[in-house]
Amino acid sequence: MSRHHDLTERMANIAQRPDTATDGEIEELSEEFSEYCTETNSRLREIRQLLGKGRRAEAVTRAQRDPDLLELVMALDFLYL
């Protein structure tokens, strides 16, 4: 399982049973989630710029590099937010 999937799975578990996590765990997960969101948004902006310049092939290649951007967005956009 990838790190971002593990993160969102842990967050979903806490959302379902908030009494099972400490404030420290919640803070740590929140910070990690925020970092992933910042990184993902940065990559999305980069892809948009490439597409705006007509550099579609490069945009697709960058979007597919690890972690795959579509997979990352889907993992971060989960039900409990």
PDB file of N, CA and C in Angstrom:
ATOM      1  N   MET A   1       0.848  -1.169   0.000  1.00  0.00           N
ATOM      2  CA  MET A   1       0.000   0.000   0.000  1.00  0.00           C
ATOM      3  C   MET A   1       0.903   1.245   0.000  1.00  0.00           C
ATOM      4  N   SER A   2       0.544   2.225  -0.782  1.00  0.00           N
ATOM      5  CA  SER A   2       1.345   3.441  -0.854  1.00  0.00           C
ATOM      6  C   SER A   2       1.173   4.279   0.414  1.00  0.00           C
ATOM      7  N   ARG A   3       2.121   5.184   0.613  1.00  0.00           N
ATOM      8  CA  ARG A   3       2.075   6.029   1.819  1.00  0.00           C
ATOM      9  C   ARG A   3       0.816   6.884   1.862  1.00  0.00           C
ATOM     10  N   HIS A   4       0.408   7.457   0.705  1.00  0.00           N
ATOM     11  CA  HIS A   4      -0.778   8.310   0.720  1.00  0.00           C
ATOM     12  C   HIS A   4      -2.052   7.492   0.951  1.00  0.00           C
ATOM     13  N   HIS A   5      -2.100   6.246   0.462  1.00  0.00           N
ATOM     14  CA  HIS A   5      -3.256   5.400   0.762  1.00  0.00           C
ATOM     15  C   HIS A   5      -3.273   5.013   2.239  1.00  0.00           C
ATOM     16  N   ASP A   6      -2.115   4.721   2.776  1.00  0.00           N
ATOM     17  CA  ASP A   6      -2.021   4.399   4.197  1.00  0.00           C
ATOM     18  C   ASP A   6      -2.484   5.582   5.043  1.00  0.00           C
ATOM     19  N   LEU A   7      -2.057   6.765   4.659  1.00  0.00           N
ATOM     20  CA  LEU A   7      -2.454   7.979   5.382  1.00  0.00           C
ATOM     21  C   LEU A   7      -3.972   8.147   5.384  1.00  0.00           C
ATOM     22  N   THR A   8      -4.590   8.067   4.217  1.00  0.00           N
ATOM     23  CA  THR A   8      -6.031   8.289   4.154  1.00  0.00           C
ATOM     24  C   THR A   8      -6.798   7.157   4.832  1.00  0.00           C
ATOM     25  N   GLU A   9      -6.247   5.951   4.812  1.00  0.00           N
ATOM     26  CA  GLU A   9      -6.899   4.849   5.528  1.00  0.00           C
ATOM     27  C   GLU A   9      -6.865   5.098   7.035  1.00  0.00           C
ATOM     28  N   ARG A  10      -5.722   5.550   7.537  1.00  0.00           N
ATOM     29  CA  ARG A  10      -5.631   5.870   8.968  1.00  0.00           C
ATOM     30  C   ARG A  10      -6.573   7.012   9.332  1.00  0.00           C
ATOM     31  N   MET A  11      -6.662   8.018   8.460  1.00  0.00           N
ATOM     32  CA  MET A  11      -7.568   9.145   8.730  1.00  0.00           C
ATOM     33  C   MET A  11      -9.024   8.699   8.710  1.00  0.00           C
ATOM     34  N   ALA A  12      -9.379   7.827   7.788  1.00  0.00           N
ATOM     35  CA  ALA A  12     -10.749   7.311   7.729  1.00  0.00           C
ATOM     36  C   ALA A  12     -11.081   6.506   8.978  1.00  0.00           C
ATOM     37  N   ASN A  13     -10.119   5.706   9.447  1.00  0.00           N
ATOM     38  CA  ASN A  13     -10.343   4.927  10.672  1.00  0.00           C
ATOM     39  C   ASN A  13     -10.591   5.853  11.864  1.00  0.00           C
ATOM     40  N   ILE A  14      -9.825   6.924  11.945  1.00  0.00           N
ATOM     41  CA  ILE A  14     -10.008   7.872  13.043  1.00  0.00           C
ATOM     42  C   ILE A  14     -11.343   8.599  12.909  1.00  0.00           C
ATOM     43  N   ALA A  15     -11.726   8.933  11.679  1.00  0.00           N
ATOM     44  CA  ALA A  15     -13.015   9.609  11.475  1.00  0.00           C
ATOM     45  C   ALA A  15     -14.174   8.719  11.916  1.00  0.00           C
ATOM     46  N   GLN A  16     -14.038   7.425  11.701  1.00  0.00           N
ATOM     47  CA  GLN A  16     -15.088   6.490  12.099  1.00  0.00           C
ATOM     48  C   GLN A  16     -15.092   6.235  13.598  1.00  0.00           C
ATOM     49  N   ARG A  17     -13.885   6.308  14.214  1.00  0.00           N
ATOM     50  CA  ARG A  17     -13.771   6.046  15.653  1.00  0.00           C
ATOM     51  C   ARG A  17     -12.805   7.057  16.261  1.00  0.00           C
ATOM     52  N   PRO A  18     -13.260   8.301  16.430  1.00  0.00           N
ATOM     53  CA  PRO A  18     -12.353   9.363  16.898  1.00  0.00           C
ATOM     54  C   PRO A  18     -11.763   9.126  18.284  1.00  0.00           C
ATOM     55  N   ASP A  19     -12.408   8.320  19.090  1.00  0.00           N
ATOM     56  CA  ASP A  19     -11.903   8.059  20.439  1.00  0.00           C
ATOM     57  C   ASP A  19     -10.674   7.159  20.448  1.00  0.00           C
ATOM     58  N   THR A  20     -10.279   6.627  19.286  1.00  0.00           N
ATOM     59  CA  THR A  20      -9.144   5.712  19.218  1.00  0.00           C
ATOM     60  C   THR A  20      -7.815   6.415  18.958  1.00  0.00           C
ATOM     61  N   ALA A  21      -7.835   7.715  18.756  1.00  0.00           N
ATOM     62  CA  ALA A  21      -6.599   8.436  18.410  1.00  0.00           C
ATOM     63  C   ALA A  21      -6.292   9.511  19.441  1.00  0.00           C
ATOM     64  N   THR A  22      -5.004   9.742  19.622  1.00  0.00           N
ATOM     65  CA  THR A  22      -4.578  10.820  20.511  1.00  0.00           C
ATOM     66  C   THR A  22      -4.511  12.126  19.712  1.00  0.00           C
ATOM     67  N   ASP A  23      -4.462  13.229  20.429  1.00  0.00           N
ATOM     68  CA  ASP A  23      -4.323  14.531  19.763  1.00  0.00           C
ATOM     69  C   ASP A  23      -3.032  14.581  18.946  1.00  0.00           C
ATOM     70  N   GLY A  24      -1.975  13.970  19.466  1.00  0.00           N
ATOM     71  CA  GLY A  24      -0.697  13.953  18.759  1.00  0.00           C
ATOM     72  C   GLY A  24      -0.783  13.199  17.434  1.00  0.00           C
ATOM     73  N   GLU A  25      -1.481  12.071  17.447  1.00  0.00           N
ATOM     74  CA  GLU A  25      -1.655  11.298  16.213  1.00  0.00           C
ATOM     75  C   GLU A  25      -2.464  12.085  15.189  1.00  0.00           C
ATOM     76  N   ILE A  26      -3.505  12.726  15.655  1.00  0.00           N
ATOM     77  CA  ILE A  26      -4.341  13.517  14.760  1.00  0.00           C
ATOM     78  C   ILE A  26      -3.547  14.675  14.169  1.00  0.00           C
ATOM     79  N   GLU A  27      -2.755  15.334  14.994  1.00  0.00           N
ATOM     80  CA  GLU A  27      -1.928  16.441  14.513  1.00  0.00           C
ATOM     81  C   GLU A  27      -0.914  15.957  13.478  1.00  0.00           C
ATOM     82  N   GLU A  28      -0.279  14.826  13.748  1.00  0.00           N
ATOM     83  CA  GLU A  28       0.712  14.265  12.817  1.00  0.00           C
ATOM     84  C   GLU A  28       0.063  13.917  11.474  1.00  0.00           C
ATOM     85  N   LEU A  29      -1.091  13.260  11.518  1.00  0.00           N
ATOM     86  CA  LEU A  29      -1.796  12.912  10.289  1.00  0.00           C
ATOM     87  C   LEU A  29      -2.240  14.161   9.538  1.00  0.00           C
ATOM     88  N   SER A  30      -2.687  15.147  10.268  1.00  0.00           N
ATOM     89  CA  SER A  30      -3.121  16.405   9.653  1.00  0.00           C
ATOM     90  C   SER A  30      -1.970  17.089   8.922  1.00  0.00           C
ATOM     91  N   GLU A  31      -0.808  17.105   9.541  1.00  0.00           N
ATOM     92  CA  GLU A  31       0.365  17.726   8.915  1.00  0.00           C
ATOM     93  C   GLU A  31       0.789  16.960   7.672  1.00  0.00           C
ATOM     94  N   GLU A  32       0.786  15.637   7.762  1.00  0.00           N
ATOM     95  CA  GLU A  32       1.169  14.819   6.602  1.00  0.00           C
ATOM     96  C   GLU A  32       0.165  15.005   5.457  1.00  0.00           C
ATOM     97  N   PHE A  33      -1.122  15.046   5.799  1.00  0.00           N
ATOM     98  CA  PHE A  33      -2.160  15.253   4.792  1.00  0.00           C
ATOM     99  C   PHE A  33      -1.981  16.614   4.120  1.00  0.00           C
ATOM    100  N   SER A  34      -1.706  17.623   4.918  1.00  0.00           N
ATOM    101  CA  SER A  34      -1.488  18.966   4.388  1.00  0.00           C
ATOM    102  C   SER A  34      -0.302  18.996   3.420  1.00  0.00           C
ATOM    103  N   GLU A  35       0.772  18.294   3.774  1.00  0.00           N
ATOM    104  CA  GLU A  35       1.947  18.229   2.894  1.00  0.00           C
ATOM    105  C   GLU A  35       1.604  17.563   1.567  1.00  0.00           C
ATOM    106  N   TYR A  36       0.858  16.463   1.621  1.00  0.00           N
ATOM    107  CA  TYR A  36       0.440  15.790   0.386  1.00  0.00           C
ATOM    108  C   TYR A  36      -0.435  16.706  -0.468  1.00  0.00           C
ATOM    109  N   CYS A  37      -1.351  17.421   0.172  1.00  0.00           N
ATOM    110  CA  CYS A  37      -2.223  18.334  -0.572  1.00  0.00           C
ATOM    111  C   CYS A  37      -1.422  19.454  -1.225  1.00  0.00           C
ATOM    112  N   THR A  38      -0.451  20.007  -0.504  1.00  0.00           N
ATOM    113  CA  THR A  38       0.393  21.066  -1.055  1.00  0.00           C
ATOM    114  C   THR A  38       1.183  20.550  -2.252  1.00  0.00           C
ATOM    115  N   GLU A  39       1.778  19.375  -2.101  1.00  0.00           N
ATOM    116  CA  GLU A  39       2.548  18.770  -3.194  1.00  0.00           C
ATOM    117  C   GLU A  39       1.654  18.486  -4.405  1.00  0.00           C
ATOM    118  N   THR A  40       0.476  17.954  -4.140  1.00  0.00           N
ATOM    119  CA  THR A  40      -0.453  17.616  -5.217  1.00  0.00           C
ATOM    120  C   THR A  40      -0.909  18.869  -5.947  1.00  0.00           C
ATOM    121  N   ASN A  41      -1.254  19.904  -5.213  1.00  0.00           N
ATOM    122  CA  ASN A  41      -1.679  21.155  -5.847  1.00  0.00           C
ATOM    123  C   ASN A  41      -0.567  21.769  -6.674  1.00  0.00           C
ATOM    124  N   SER A  42       0.654  21.670  -6.208  1.00  0.00           N
ATOM    125  CA  SER A  42       1.794  22.178  -6.956  1.00  0.00           C
ATOM    126  C   SER A  42       1.959  21.426  -8.275  1.00  0.00           C
ATOM    127  N   ARG A  43       1.841  20.126  -8.200  1.00  0.00           N
ATOM    128  CA  ARG A  43       1.935  19.328  -9.434  1.00  0.00           C
ATOM    129  C   ARG A  43       0.797  19.636 -10.389  1.00  0.00           C
ATOM    130  N   LEU A  44      -0.393  19.831  -9.870  1.00  0.00           N
ATOM    131  CA  LEU A  44      -1.532  20.170 -10.728  1.00  0.00           C
ATOM    132  C   LEU A  44      -1.307  21.513 -11.432  1.00  0.00           C
ATOM    133  N   ARG A  45      -0.770  22.485 -10.706  1.00  0.00           N
ATOM    134  CA  ARG A  45      -0.464  23.786 -11.321  1.00  0.00           C
ATOM    135  C   ARG A  45       0.591  23.630 -12.417  1.00  0.00           C
ATOM    136  N   GLU A  46       1.596  22.800 -12.148  1.00  0.00           N
ATOM    137  CA  GLU A  46       2.649  22.558 -13.133  1.00  0.00           C
ATOM    138  C   GLU A  46       2.061  21.931 -14.398  1.00  0.00           C
ATOM    139  N   ILE A  47       1.178  20.963 -14.226  1.00  0.00           N
ATOM    140  CA  ILE A  47       0.541  20.300 -15.362  1.00  0.00           C
ATOM    141  C   ILE A  47      -0.312  21.298 -16.138  1.00  0.00           C
ATOM    142  N   ARG A  48      -1.046  22.127 -15.441  1.00  0.00           N
ATOM    143  CA  ARG A  48      -1.879  23.139 -16.104  1.00  0.00           C
ATOM    144  C   ARG A  48      -1.019  24.080 -16.940  1.00  0.00           C
ATOM    145  N   GLN A  49       0.122  24.492 -16.394  1.00  0.00           N
ATOM    146  CA  GLN A  49       1.017  25.376 -17.138  1.00  0.00           C
ATOM    147  C   GLN A  49       1.547  24.694 -18.393  1.00  0.00           C
ATOM    148  N   LEU A  50       1.938  23.443 -18.277  1.00  0.00           N
ATOM    149  CA  LEU A  50       2.434  22.715 -19.435  1.00  0.00           C
ATOM    150  C   LEU A  50       1.357  22.584 -20.508  1.00  0.00           C
ATOM    151  N   LEU A  51       0.152  22.264 -20.074  1.00  0.00           N
ATOM    152  CA  LEU A  51      -0.950  22.150 -21.033  1.00  0.00           C
ATOM    153  C   LEU A  51      -1.246  23.496 -21.699  1.00  0.00           C
ATOM    154  N   GLY A  52      -1.161  24.561 -20.922  1.00  0.00           N
ATOM    155  CA  GLY A  52      -1.383  25.905 -21.470  1.00  0.00           C
ATOM    156  C   GLY A  52      -0.356  26.282 -22.523  1.00  0.00           C
ATOM    157  N   LYS A  53       0.820  25.680 -22.435  1.00  0.00           N
ATOM    158  CA  LYS A  53       1.889  25.932 -23.408  1.00  0.00           C
ATOM    159  C   LYS A  53       1.853  24.929 -24.560  1.00  0.00           C
ATOM    160  N   GLY A  54       0.849  24.062 -24.562  1.00  0.00           N
ATOM    161  CA  GLY A  54       0.725  23.073 -25.627  1.00  0.00           C
ATOM    162  C   GLY A  54       1.658  21.884 -25.485  1.00  0.00           C
ATOM    163  N   ARG A  55       2.223  21.680 -24.309  1.00  0.00           N
ATOM    164  CA  ARG A  55       3.191  20.598 -24.070  1.00  0.00           C
ATOM    165  C   ARG A  55       2.484  19.400 -23.428  1.00  0.00           C
ATOM    166  N   ARG A  56       1.511  18.855 -24.170  1.00  0.00           N
ATOM    167  CA  ARG A  56       0.650  17.793 -23.658  1.00  0.00           C
ATOM    168  C   ARG A  56       1.438  16.537 -23.273  1.00  0.00           C
ATOM    169  N   ALA A  57       2.323  16.071 -24.123  1.00  0.00           N
ATOM    170  CA  ALA A  57       3.069  14.841 -23.846  1.00  0.00           C
ATOM    171  C   ALA A  57       3.885  14.970 -22.558  1.00  0.00           C
ATOM    172  N   GLU A  58       4.517  16.112 -22.380  1.00  0.00           N
ATOM    173  CA  GLU A  58       5.300  16.334 -21.158  1.00  0.00           C
ATOM    174  C   GLU A  58       4.386  16.393 -19.938  1.00  0.00           C
ATOM    175  N   ALA A  59       3.220  17.011 -20.100  1.00  0.00           N
ATOM    176  CA  ALA A  59       2.261  17.094 -18.994  1.00  0.00           C
ATOM    177  C   ALA A  59       1.798  15.703 -18.573  1.00  0.00           C
ATOM    178  N   VAL A  60       1.501  14.864 -19.543  1.00  0.00           N
ATOM    179  CA  VAL A  60       1.045  13.503 -19.246  1.00  0.00           C
ATOM    180  C   VAL A  60       2.155  12.715 -18.556  1.00  0.00           C
ATOM    181  N   THR A  61       3.375  12.831 -19.064  1.00  0.00           N
ATOM    182  CA  THR A  61       4.517  12.127 -18.461  1.00  0.00           C
ATOM    183  C   THR A  61       4.719  12.556 -17.016  1.00  0.00           C
ATOM    184  N   ARG A  62       4.654  13.854 -16.760  1.00  0.00           N
ATOM    185  CA  ARG A  62       4.836  14.340 -15.382  1.00  0.00           C
ATOM    186  C   ARG A  62       3.690  13.922 -14.473  1.00  0.00           C
ATOM    187  N   ALA A  63       2.497  13.884 -15.013  1.00  0.00           N
ATOM    188  CA  ALA A  63       1.346  13.468 -14.208  1.00  0.00           C
ATOM    189  C   ALA A  63       1.433  11.996 -13.830  1.00  0.00           C
ATOM    190  N   GLN A  64       2.072  11.198 -14.672  1.00  0.00           N
ATOM    191  CA  GLN A  64       2.152   9.766 -14.428  1.00  0.00           C
ATOM    192  C   GLN A  64       3.358   9.346 -13.596  1.00  0.00           C
ATOM    193  N   ARG A  65       4.266  10.282 -13.302  1.00  0.00           N
ATOM    194  CA  ARG A  65       5.424   9.894 -12.491  1.00  0.00           C
ATOM    195  C   ARG A  65       4.960   9.542 -11.073  1.00  0.00           C
ATOM    196  N   ASP A  66       5.759   8.782 -10.394  1.00  0.00           N
ATOM    197  CA  ASP A  66       5.401   8.265  -9.078  1.00  0.00           C
ATOM    198  C   ASP A  66       5.448   9.347  -8.006  1.00  0.00           C
ATOM    199  N   PRO A  67       4.422   9.488  -7.204  1.00  0.00           N
ATOM    200  CA  PRO A  67       3.155   8.799  -7.302  1.00  0.00           C
ATOM    201  C   PRO A  67       2.294   9.393  -8.419  1.00  0.00           C
ATOM    202  N   ASP A  68       1.586   8.521  -9.111  1.00  0.00           N
ATOM    203  CA  ASP A  68       0.708   8.940 -10.197  1.00  0.00           C
ATOM    204  C   ASP A  68      -0.260  10.007  -9.681  1.00  0.00           C
ATOM    205  N   LEU A  69      -0.353  11.106 -10.405  1.00  0.00           N
ATOM    206  CA  LEU A  69      -1.129  12.251  -9.931  1.00  0.00           C
ATOM    207  C   LEU A  69      -2.617  11.930  -9.779  1.00  0.00           C
ATOM    208  N   LEU A  70      -3.190  11.218 -10.732  1.00  0.00           N
ATOM    209  CA  LEU A  70      -4.608  10.869 -10.631  1.00  0.00           C
ATOM    210  C   LEU A  70      -4.856   9.978  -9.415  1.00  0.00           C
ATOM    211  N   GLU A  71      -3.985   9.003  -9.208  1.00  0.00           N
ATOM    212  CA  GLU A  71      -4.116   8.122  -8.045  1.00  0.00           C
ATOM    213  C   GLU A  71      -3.990   8.915  -6.742  1.00  0.00           C
ATOM    214  N   LEU A  72      -3.058   9.850  -6.732  1.00  0.00           N
ATOM    215  CA  LEU A  72      -2.848  10.676  -5.546  1.00  0.00           C
ATOM    216  C   LEU A  72      -4.072  11.532  -5.241  1.00  0.00           C
ATOM    217  N   VAL A  73      -4.634  12.159  -6.264  1.00  0.00           N
ATOM    218  CA  VAL A  73      -5.825  12.999  -6.071  1.00  0.00           C
ATOM    219  C   VAL A  73      -6.989  12.153  -5.563  1.00  0.00           C
ATOM    220  N   MET A  74      -7.173  10.986  -6.154  1.00  0.00           N
ATOM    221  CA  MET A  74      -8.281  10.121  -5.716  1.00  0.00           C
ATOM    222  C   MET A  74      -8.094   9.670  -4.269  1.00  0.00           C
ATOM    223  N   ALA A  75      -6.868   9.391  -3.878  1.00  0.00           N
ATOM    224  CA  ALA A  75      -6.609   8.957  -2.498  1.00  0.00           C
ATOM    225  C   ALA A  75      -6.858  10.084  -1.505  1.00  0.00           C
ATOM    226  N   LEU A  76      -6.478  11.292  -1.878  1.00  0.00           N
ATOM    227  CA  LEU A  76      -6.615  12.425  -0.958  1.00  0.00           C
ATOM    228  C   LEU A  76      -8.052  12.944  -0.877  1.00  0.00           C
ATOM    229  N   ASP A  77      -8.853  12.650  -1.873  1.00  0.00           N
ATOM    230  CA  ASP A  77     -10.248  13.096  -1.903  1.00  0.00           C
ATOM    231  C   ASP A  77     -11.133  11.965  -1.395  1.00  0.00           C
ATOM    232  N   PHE A  78     -11.106  11.749  -0.080  1.00  0.00           N
ATOM    233  CA  PHE A  78     -11.859  10.634   0.440  1.00  0.00           C
ATOM    234  C   PHE A  78     -13.083  11.082   1.219  1.00  0.00           C
ATOM    235  N   LEU A  79     -13.992  10.163   1.411  1.00  0.00           N
ATOM    236  CA  LEU A  79     -15.332  10.416   1.907  1.00  0.00           C
ATOM    237  C   LEU A  79     -15.418  11.199   3.220  1.00  0.00           C
ATOM    238  N   TYR A  80     -14.511  11.009   4.118  1.00  0.00           N
ATOM    239  CA  TYR A  80     -14.674  11.558   5.464  1.00  0.00           C
ATOM    240  C   TYR A  80     -14.225  12.999   5.620  1.00  0.00           C
ATOM    241  N   LEU A  81     -13.784  13.638   4.537  1.00  0.00           N
ATOM    242  CA  LEU A  81     -13.378  15.044   4.639  1.00  0.00           C
ATOM    243  C   LEU A  81     -14.551  15.951   4.457  1.00  0.00           C
TER     244      LEU A  81
END
